[in-house]
Amino acid sequence: SGCRKSGRPRLALADASMPGAVWFPDVRLNYAETMLRMPGRSDEDVVVVARSQSRDEIRMTAAELRDLVARVRAGLVRAGVGNGDRVAAYCPNVPETLAVLLASASLGAIFSSCAPEFGTQSVTDRWQQIEPKVLVAVDGYRYGAKPIDRRAEVEAIRAALPSVET
């Protein structure tokens, strides 16, 4: 399978209660490490292709994705993110958001995202429940040719999340 794990699987389902089921309690697997290993792919292979109306097509190689994830990870480490912390992204579905997801997962952090089209109340209702330590956000986006400024919404979201340190 190409993925590394620690521990030996002795038990598949330790607790079947829902919510709270515990699967493979003796095994640990890092999602980001597994995703970034990419067996059979060279550093030069294109692994991300992104198209949008607002910028040129992005074609990212395995090496470029790993480099971006490493740089985002370093920033999260500087922000004090570790295992079990939560990282929230008020960002569109773009390669940079993928990098935040993978960097968060590489540290054992929990990642949650909302598109910047979401209203402030729906975002804060969701994220107040998980108490993110870090908020990553865009200041706006484009809808066709029209720029949509989201700075006021980002500030309102930030103000409603006292858990956010960075």
C-alpha atoms as a PDB file:
ATOM      1  CA  SER A   1       0.000   0.000   0.000  1.00  0.00           C
ATOM      2  CA  GLY A   2       2.974   2.336   0.385  1.00  0.00           C
ATOM      3  CA  CYS A   3       1.840   3.793   3.709  1.00  0.00           C
ATOM      4  CA  ARG A   4       3.742   3.583   6.940  1.00  0.00           C
ATOM      5  CA  LYS A   5       2.055   3.024  10.229  1.00  0.00           C
ATOM      6  CA  SER A   6       3.087   2.479  13.785  1.00  0.00           C
ATOM      7  CA  GLY A   7       1.730  -0.380  15.851  1.00  0.00           C
ATOM      8  CA  ARG A   8       0.320  -3.736  14.881  1.00  0.00           C
ATOM      9  CA  PRO A   9      -3.374  -4.136  14.219  1.00  0.00           C
ATOM     10  CA  ARG A  10      -4.704  -6.523  16.841  1.00  0.00           C
ATOM     11  CA  LEU A  11      -8.268  -5.259  17.027  1.00  0.00           C
ATOM     12  CA  ALA A  12     -10.317  -3.621  14.264  1.00  0.00           C
ATOM     13  CA  LEU A  13     -13.147  -2.115  16.316  1.00  0.00           C
ATOM     14  CA  ALA A  14     -12.489  -1.505  20.007  1.00  0.00           C
ATOM     15  CA  ASP A  15     -15.721   0.384  20.695  1.00  0.00           C
ATOM     16  CA  ALA A  16     -18.732   0.313  18.352  1.00  0.00           C
ATOM     17  CA  SER A  17     -20.738   3.006  20.142  1.00  0.00           C
ATOM     18  CA  MET A  18     -21.882   5.893  17.971  1.00  0.00           C
ATOM     19  CA  PRO A  19     -20.725   8.555  18.140  1.00  0.00           C
ATOM     20  CA  GLY A  20     -17.308   7.605  19.414  1.00  0.00           C
ATOM     21  CA  ALA A  21     -16.449   4.385  17.600  1.00  0.00           C
ATOM     22  CA  VAL A  22     -12.781   3.452  18.070  1.00  0.00           C
ATOM     23  CA  TRP A  23     -11.163   1.789  15.084  1.00  0.00           C
ATOM     24  CA  PHE A  24      -7.726   0.124  15.142  1.00  0.00           C
ATOM     25  CA  PRO A  25      -6.692   1.477  18.563  1.00  0.00           C
ATOM     26  CA  ASP A  26      -3.179  -0.023  18.314  1.00  0.00           C
ATOM     27  CA  VAL A  27      -2.283   1.660  15.003  1.00  0.00           C
ATOM     28  CA  ARG A  28      -1.343   5.243  14.131  1.00  0.00           C
ATOM     29  CA  LEU A  29      -1.288   6.530  10.564  1.00  0.00           C
ATOM     30  CA  ASN A  30      -0.486  10.076   9.413  1.00  0.00           C
ATOM     31  CA  TYR A  31      -2.786  11.102   6.585  1.00  0.00           C
ATOM     32  CA  ALA A  32      -0.474  13.832   5.246  1.00  0.00           C
ATOM     33  CA  GLU A  33       2.578  11.587   5.245  1.00  0.00           C
ATOM     34  CA  THR A  34       0.622   8.938   3.393  1.00  0.00           C
ATOM     35  CA  MET A  35      -0.768  11.411   0.838  1.00  0.00           C
ATOM     36  CA  LEU A  36       2.576  13.107   0.190  1.00  0.00           C
ATOM     37  CA  ARG A  37       4.561   9.892  -0.242  1.00  0.00           C
ATOM     38  CA  MET A  38       2.927   9.263  -3.651  1.00  0.00           C
ATOM     39  CA  PRO A  39       4.507   5.911  -4.516  1.00  0.00           C
ATOM     40  CA  GLY A  40       5.228   5.561  -8.209  1.00  0.00           C
ATOM     41  CA  ARG A  41       5.320   9.324  -8.761  1.00  0.00           C
ATOM     42  CA  SER A  42       8.462  11.304  -9.430  1.00  0.00           C
ATOM     43  CA  ASP A  43       9.113  14.780  -8.058  1.00  0.00           C
ATOM     44  CA  GLU A  44       8.359  16.164 -11.529  1.00  0.00           C
ATOM     45  CA  ASP A  45       4.963  14.488 -11.909  1.00  0.00           C
ATOM     46  CA  VAL A  46       2.024  16.893 -11.865  1.00  0.00           C
ATOM     47  CA  VAL A  47      -0.222  15.932  -8.941  1.00  0.00           C
ATOM     48  CA  VAL A  48      -2.477  19.002  -8.633  1.00  0.00           C
ATOM     49  CA  VAL A  49      -4.256  20.802 -11.450  1.00  0.00           C
ATOM     50  CA  ALA A  50      -6.377  23.788 -10.488  1.00  0.00           C
ATOM     51  CA  ARG A  51      -8.551  25.850 -12.779  1.00  0.00           C
ATOM     52  CA  SER A  52     -10.622  28.892 -11.967  1.00  0.00           C
ATOM     53  CA  GLN A  53     -12.119  31.979 -13.552  1.00  0.00           C
ATOM     54  CA  SER A  54      -9.910  34.295 -11.537  1.00  0.00           C
ATOM     55  CA  ARG A  55      -6.375  33.084 -12.245  1.00  0.00           C
ATOM     56  CA  ASP A  56      -4.344  31.063 -14.670  1.00  0.00           C
ATOM     57  CA  GLU A  57      -4.338  27.285 -14.460  1.00  0.00           C
ATOM     58  CA  ILE A  58      -2.037  25.958 -11.752  1.00  0.00           C
ATOM     59  CA  ARG A  59      -0.124  22.744 -12.369  1.00  0.00           C
ATOM     60  CA  MET A  60       1.784  21.674  -9.273  1.00  0.00           C
ATOM     61  CA  THR A  61       4.346  18.901  -9.245  1.00  0.00           C
ATOM     62  CA  ALA A  62       4.819  16.477  -6.378  1.00  0.00           C
ATOM     63  CA  ALA A  63       7.968  18.369  -5.344  1.00  0.00           C
ATOM     64  CA  GLU A  64       6.165  21.731  -5.464  1.00  0.00           C
ATOM     65  CA  LEU A  65       3.271  20.406  -3.382  1.00  0.00           C
ATOM     66  CA  ARG A  66       5.629  18.915  -0.803  1.00  0.00           C
ATOM     67  CA  ASP A  67       7.561  22.204  -0.645  1.00  0.00           C
ATOM     68  CA  LEU A  68       4.387  24.263  -0.189  1.00  0.00           C
ATOM     69  CA  VAL A  69       3.120  21.914   2.520  1.00  0.00           C
ATOM     70  CA  ALA A  70       6.500  22.109   4.299  1.00  0.00           C
ATOM     71  CA  ARG A  71       6.416  25.920   4.263  1.00  0.00           C
ATOM     72  CA  VAL A  72       2.834  26.043   5.566  1.00  0.00           C
ATOM     73  CA  ARG A  73       3.735  23.441   8.191  1.00  0.00           C
ATOM     74  CA  ALA A  74       6.646  25.593   9.375  1.00  0.00           C
ATOM     75  CA  GLY A  75       4.259  28.519   9.794  1.00  0.00           C
ATOM     76  CA  LEU A  76       1.816  26.393  11.770  1.00  0.00           C
ATOM     77  CA  VAL A  77       4.653  25.162  13.986  1.00  0.00           C
ATOM     78  CA  ARG A  78       5.687  28.803  14.626  1.00  0.00           C
ATOM     79  CA  ALA A  79       2.060  29.463  15.571  1.00  0.00           C
ATOM     80  CA  GLY A  80       2.253  26.663  18.133  1.00  0.00           C
ATOM     81  CA  VAL A  81      -0.007  24.175  16.332  1.00  0.00           C
ATOM     82  CA  GLY A  82       0.371  20.605  17.505  1.00  0.00           C
ATOM     83  CA  ASN A  83      -1.441  17.326  17.881  1.00  0.00           C
ATOM     84  CA  GLY A  84      -5.145  17.803  18.571  1.00  0.00           C
ATOM     85  CA  ASP A  85      -5.209  21.546  17.861  1.00  0.00           C
ATOM     86  CA  ARG A  86      -7.709  22.865  15.348  1.00  0.00           C
ATOM     87  CA  VAL A  87      -6.913  24.904  12.230  1.00  0.00           C
ATOM     88  CA  ALA A  88      -9.779  26.686  10.467  1.00  0.00           C
ATOM     89  CA  ALA A  89      -9.565  27.930   6.879  1.00  0.00           C
ATOM     90  CA  TYR A  90     -11.961  30.525   5.480  1.00  0.00           C
ATOM     91  CA  CYS A  91     -10.657  29.858   1.992  1.00  0.00           C
ATOM     92  CA  PRO A  92     -11.793  28.678  -1.424  1.00  0.00           C
ATOM     93  CA  ASN A  93     -11.031  25.253  -2.826  1.00  0.00           C
ATOM     94  CA  VAL A  94      -7.542  26.103  -4.144  1.00  0.00           C
ATOM     95  CA  PRO A  95      -4.126  24.393  -3.943  1.00  0.00           C
ATOM     96  CA  GLU A  96      -3.082  26.634  -1.052  1.00  0.00           C
ATOM     97  CA  THR A  97      -6.025  25.390   1.018  1.00  0.00           C
ATOM     98  CA  LEU A  98      -5.035  21.812   0.225  1.00  0.00           C
ATOM     99  CA  ALA A  99      -1.568  22.663   1.559  1.00  0.00           C
ATOM    100  CA  VAL A 100      -3.086  23.980   4.817  1.00  0.00           C
ATOM    101  CA  LEU A 101      -5.073  20.742   5.168  1.00  0.00           C
ATOM    102  CA  LEU A 102      -1.997  18.559   4.611  1.00  0.00           C
ATOM    103  CA  ALA A 103       0.242  20.708   6.831  1.00  0.00           C
ATOM    104  CA  SER A 104      -2.342  20.580   9.627  1.00  0.00           C
ATOM    105  CA  ALA A 105      -2.729  16.821   9.307  1.00  0.00           C
ATOM    106  CA  SER A 106       1.053  16.361   9.317  1.00  0.00           C
ATOM    107  CA  LEU A 107       1.078  17.849  12.829  1.00  0.00           C
ATOM    108  CA  GLY A 108      -1.881  15.814  14.038  1.00  0.00           C
ATOM    109  CA  ALA A 109      -4.089  18.904  14.002  1.00  0.00           C
ATOM    110  CA  ILE A 110      -7.729  18.874  12.963  1.00  0.00           C
ATOM    111  CA  PHE A 111      -8.601  20.888   9.851  1.00  0.00           C
ATOM    112  CA  SER A 112     -11.926  22.525   9.093  1.00  0.00           C
ATOM    113  CA  SER A 113     -12.781  24.782   6.193  1.00  0.00           C
ATOM    114  CA  CYS A 114     -15.591  27.004   5.001  1.00  0.00           C
ATOM    115  CA  ALA A 115     -15.765  28.705   1.643  1.00  0.00           C
ATOM    116  CA  PRO A 116     -15.600  32.505   1.777  1.00  0.00           C
ATOM    117  CA  GLU A 117     -19.084  32.625   0.245  1.00  0.00           C
ATOM    118  CA  PHE A 118     -20.444  31.370   3.592  1.00  0.00           C
ATOM    119  CA  GLY A 119     -22.029  33.980   5.816  1.00  0.00           C
ATOM    120  CA  THR A 120     -20.410  35.041   9.068  1.00  0.00           C
ATOM    121  CA  GLN A 121     -23.036  33.481  11.333  1.00  0.00           C
ATOM    122  CA  SER A 122     -22.904  30.035   9.741  1.00  0.00           C
ATOM    123  CA  VAL A 123     -19.098  30.041   9.931  1.00  0.00           C
ATOM    124  CA  THR A 124     -18.916  31.183  13.549  1.00  0.00           C
ATOM    125  CA  ASP A 125     -21.666  28.755  14.604  1.00  0.00           C
ATOM    126  CA  ARG A 126     -19.596  25.917  13.146  1.00  0.00           C
ATOM    127  CA  TRP A 127     -16.183  27.004  14.405  1.00  0.00           C
ATOM    128  CA  GLN A 128     -17.217  28.035  17.910  1.00  0.00           C
ATOM    129  CA  GLN A 129     -17.896  24.330  18.447  1.00  0.00           C
ATOM    130  CA  ILE A 130     -14.357  23.267  17.565  1.00  0.00           C
ATOM    131  CA  GLU A 131     -12.448  26.251  19.023  1.00  0.00           C
ATOM    132  CA  PRO A 132      -9.711  26.662  16.396  1.00  0.00           C
ATOM    133  CA  LYS A 133      -6.276  27.835  17.484  1.00  0.00           C
ATOM    134  CA  VAL A 134      -5.364  29.224  14.053  1.00  0.00           C
ATOM    135  CA  LEU A 135      -7.536  30.921  11.445  1.00  0.00           C
ATOM    136  CA  VAL A 136      -6.317  31.071   7.841  1.00  0.00           C
ATOM    137  CA  ALA A 137      -8.416  33.339   5.645  1.00  0.00           C
ATOM    138  CA  VAL A 138      -8.586  35.068   2.300  1.00  0.00           C
ATOM    139  CA  ASP A 139      -9.547  38.725   2.199  1.00  0.00           C
ATOM    140  CA  GLY A 140     -11.793  38.191  -0.783  1.00  0.00           C
ATOM    141  CA  TYR A 141     -12.527  36.316  -3.966  1.00  0.00           C
ATOM    142  CA  ARG A 142     -13.878  36.929  -7.441  1.00  0.00           C
ATOM    143  CA  TYR A 143     -17.302  36.006  -8.714  1.00  0.00           C
ATOM    144  CA  GLY A 144     -16.912  36.159 -12.476  1.00  0.00           C
ATOM    145  CA  ALA A 145     -15.372  39.580 -13.098  1.00  0.00           C
ATOM    146  CA  LYS A 146     -16.624  41.037  -9.810  1.00  0.00           C
ATOM    147  CA  PRO A 147     -14.265  41.236  -6.803  1.00  0.00           C
ATOM    148  CA  ILE A 148     -15.935  40.292  -3.505  1.00  0.00           C
ATOM    149  CA  ASP A 149     -14.288  41.855  -0.438  1.00  0.00           C
ATOM    150  CA  ARG A 150     -14.496  39.630   2.669  1.00  0.00           C
ATOM    151  CA  ARG A 151     -12.277  41.606   5.072  1.00  0.00           C
ATOM    152  CA  ALA A 152     -15.208  42.677   7.264  1.00  0.00           C
ATOM    153  CA  GLU A 153     -16.462  39.087   7.431  1.00  0.00           C
ATOM    154  CA  VAL A 154     -12.997  37.782   8.336  1.00  0.00           C
ATOM    155  CA  GLU A 155     -12.743  40.348  11.138  1.00  0.00           C
ATOM    156  CA  ALA A 156     -16.222  39.429  12.430  1.00  0.00           C
ATOM    157  CA  ILE A 157     -15.345  35.726  12.363  1.00  0.00           C
ATOM    158  CA  ARG A 158     -12.070  36.384  14.167  1.00  0.00           C
ATOM    159  CA  ALA A 159     -13.828  38.481  16.814  1.00  0.00           C
ATOM    160  CA  ALA A 160     -16.355  35.691  17.429  1.00  0.00           C
ATOM    161  CA  LEU A 161     -13.624  33.054  17.991  1.00  0.00           C
ATOM    162  CA  PRO A 162     -11.768  33.809  21.236  1.00  0.00           C
ATOM    163  CA  SER A 163      -9.842  30.538  20.882  1.00  0.00           C
ATOM    164  CA  VAL A 164      -7.951  31.862  17.838  1.00  0.00           C
ATOM    165  CA  GLU A 165      -4.399  32.796  18.759  1.00  0.00           C
ATOM    166  CA  THR A 166      -3.089  33.401  15.230  1.00  0.00           C
END
